[in-house]
C-alpha atoms as a PDB file:
ATOM      1  CA  MET A   1    -160.244 -41.642 -73.198  1.00  0.00           C
ATOM      2  CA  ALA A   2    -156.913 -42.089 -75.290  1.00  0.00           C
ATOM      3  CA  ASP A   3    -154.751 -41.362 -72.724  1.00  0.00           C
ATOM      4  CA  HIS A   4    -156.304 -43.763 -70.227  1.00  0.00           C
ATOM      5  CA  ASP A   5    -156.069 -46.611 -73.422  1.00  0.00           C
ATOM      6  CA  ARG A   6    -152.295 -46.340 -73.120  1.00  0.00           C
ATOM      7  CA  GLN A   7    -151.707 -46.606 -69.896  1.00  0.00           C
ATOM      8  CA  ASP A   8    -153.758 -49.794 -69.787  1.00  0.00           C
ATOM      9  CA  GLY A   9    -151.957 -51.139 -72.614  1.00  0.00           C
ATOM     10  CA  ASN A  10    -148.495 -50.395 -71.960  1.00  0.00           C
ATOM     11  CA  ARG A  11    -147.869 -52.943 -68.970  1.00  0.00           C
ATOM     12  CA  ARG A  12    -145.130 -54.658 -71.180  1.00  0.00           C
ATOM     13  CA  GLY A  13    -142.060 -52.789 -69.710  1.00  0.00           C
ATOM     14  CA  PRO A  14    -142.386 -53.177 -66.268  1.00  0.00           C
ATOM     15  CA  VAL A  15    -143.115 -56.821 -67.264  1.00  0.00           C
ATOM     16  CA  ILE A  16    -140.023 -57.093 -69.048  1.00  0.00           C
ATOM     17  CA  ALA A  17    -138.099 -55.459 -66.767  1.00  0.00           C
ATOM     18  CA  LEU A  18    -139.446 -57.788 -63.886  1.00  0.00           C
ATOM     19  CA  VAL A  19    -138.678 -60.718 -65.986  1.00  0.00           C
ATOM     20  CA  VAL A  20    -134.981 -59.332 -66.670  1.00  0.00           C
ATOM     21  CA  VAL A  21    -134.395 -59.121 -62.672  1.00  0.00           C
ATOM     22  CA  VAL A  22    -135.352 -62.362 -62.004  1.00  0.00           C
ATOM     23  CA  LEU A  23    -133.135 -64.024 -64.427  1.00  0.00           C
ATOM     24  CA  LEU A  24    -130.438 -62.047 -63.296  1.00  0.00           C
ATOM     25  CA  PHE A  25    -131.391 -63.295 -59.825  1.00  0.00           C
ATOM     26  CA  VAL A  26    -131.169 -67.021 -60.736  1.00  0.00           C
ATOM     27  CA  VAL A  27    -128.241 -66.667 -62.769  1.00  0.00           C
ATOM     28  CA  GLY A  28    -126.519 -65.043 -59.882  1.00  0.00           C
ATOM     29  CA  TRP A  29    -127.940 -67.706 -57.621  1.00  0.00           C
ATOM     30  CA  ILE A  30    -126.350 -70.250 -59.760  1.00  0.00           C
ATOM     31  CA  LEU A  31    -122.970 -68.687 -60.367  1.00  0.00           C
ATOM     32  CA  THR A  32    -122.914 -68.500 -56.694  1.00  0.00           C
ATOM     33  CA  GLN A  33    -123.513 -72.170 -55.657  1.00  0.00           C
ATOM     34  CA  MET A  34    -121.056 -73.263 -58.369  1.00  0.00           C
ATOM     35  CA  LEU A  35    -118.209 -70.953 -57.114  1.00  0.00           C
ATOM     36  CA  TYR A  36    -119.103 -71.844 -53.449  1.00  0.00           C
ATOM     37  CA  SER A  37    -118.471 -75.615 -54.550  1.00  0.00           C
ATOM     38  CA  ASN A  38    -115.424 -75.439 -56.100  1.00  0.00           C
ATOM     39  CA  GLY A  39    -113.785 -73.194 -53.711  1.00  0.00           C
ATOM     40  CA  ARG A  40    -114.651 -75.806 -51.299  1.00  0.00           C
ATOM     41  CA  LEU A  41    -113.045 -77.943 -53.478  1.00  0.00           C
ATOM     42  CA  GLU A  42    -110.107 -75.916 -53.890  1.00  0.00           C
ATOM     43  CA  ASP A  43    -109.804 -75.653 -49.784  1.00  0.00           C
ATOM     44  CA  CYS A  44    -110.054 -78.789 -48.919  1.00  0.00           C
ATOM     45  CA  LEU A  45    -106.876 -79.755 -52.246  1.00  0.00           C
ATOM     46  CA  LEU A  46    -104.989 -77.042 -50.737  1.00  0.00           C
ATOM     47  CA  SER A  47    -104.916 -78.397 -47.279  1.00  0.00           C
ATOM     48  CA  GLY A  48    -103.150 -81.543 -48.714  1.00  0.00           C
ATOM     49  CA  ARG A  49    -106.226 -84.049 -48.684  1.00  0.00           C
ATOM     50  CA  THR A  50    -106.524 -86.754 -51.757  1.00  0.00           C
ATOM     51  CA  ASN A  51    -110.214 -87.508 -50.836  1.00  0.00           C
ATOM     52  CA  CYS A  52    -111.986 -84.089 -51.685  1.00  0.00           C
ATOM     53  CA  ALA A  53    -113.964 -84.863 -54.855  1.00  0.00           C
ATOM     54  CA  PRO A  54    -117.119 -86.871 -53.986  1.00  0.00           C
ATOM     55  CA  ILE A  55    -117.374 -90.428 -55.633  1.00  0.00           C
ATOM     56  CA  GLN A  56    -120.030 -91.543 -57.661  1.00  0.00           C
ATOM     57  CA  THR A  57    -120.998 -95.023 -57.759  1.00  0.00           C
ATOM     58  CA  PRO A  58    -123.500 -96.680 -60.144  1.00  0.00           C
ATOM     59  CA  SER A  59    -127.097 -97.149 -58.499  1.00  0.00           C
ATOM     60  CA  ARG A  60    -128.391-100.554 -58.928  1.00  0.00           C
END
């Protein structure tokens, strides 16, 4: 019986591992998106254009 109780109560490790994997995925996704947008901006600038960055206007 003690072995059965130990198996049921020891689910913390896999849950922590799953949280770490999900967190790494989210951080990787955000980093990929940031690098992609910076790459597009650099490509635009290196092609000689001057209007590459979007202009943000205050909304009224």
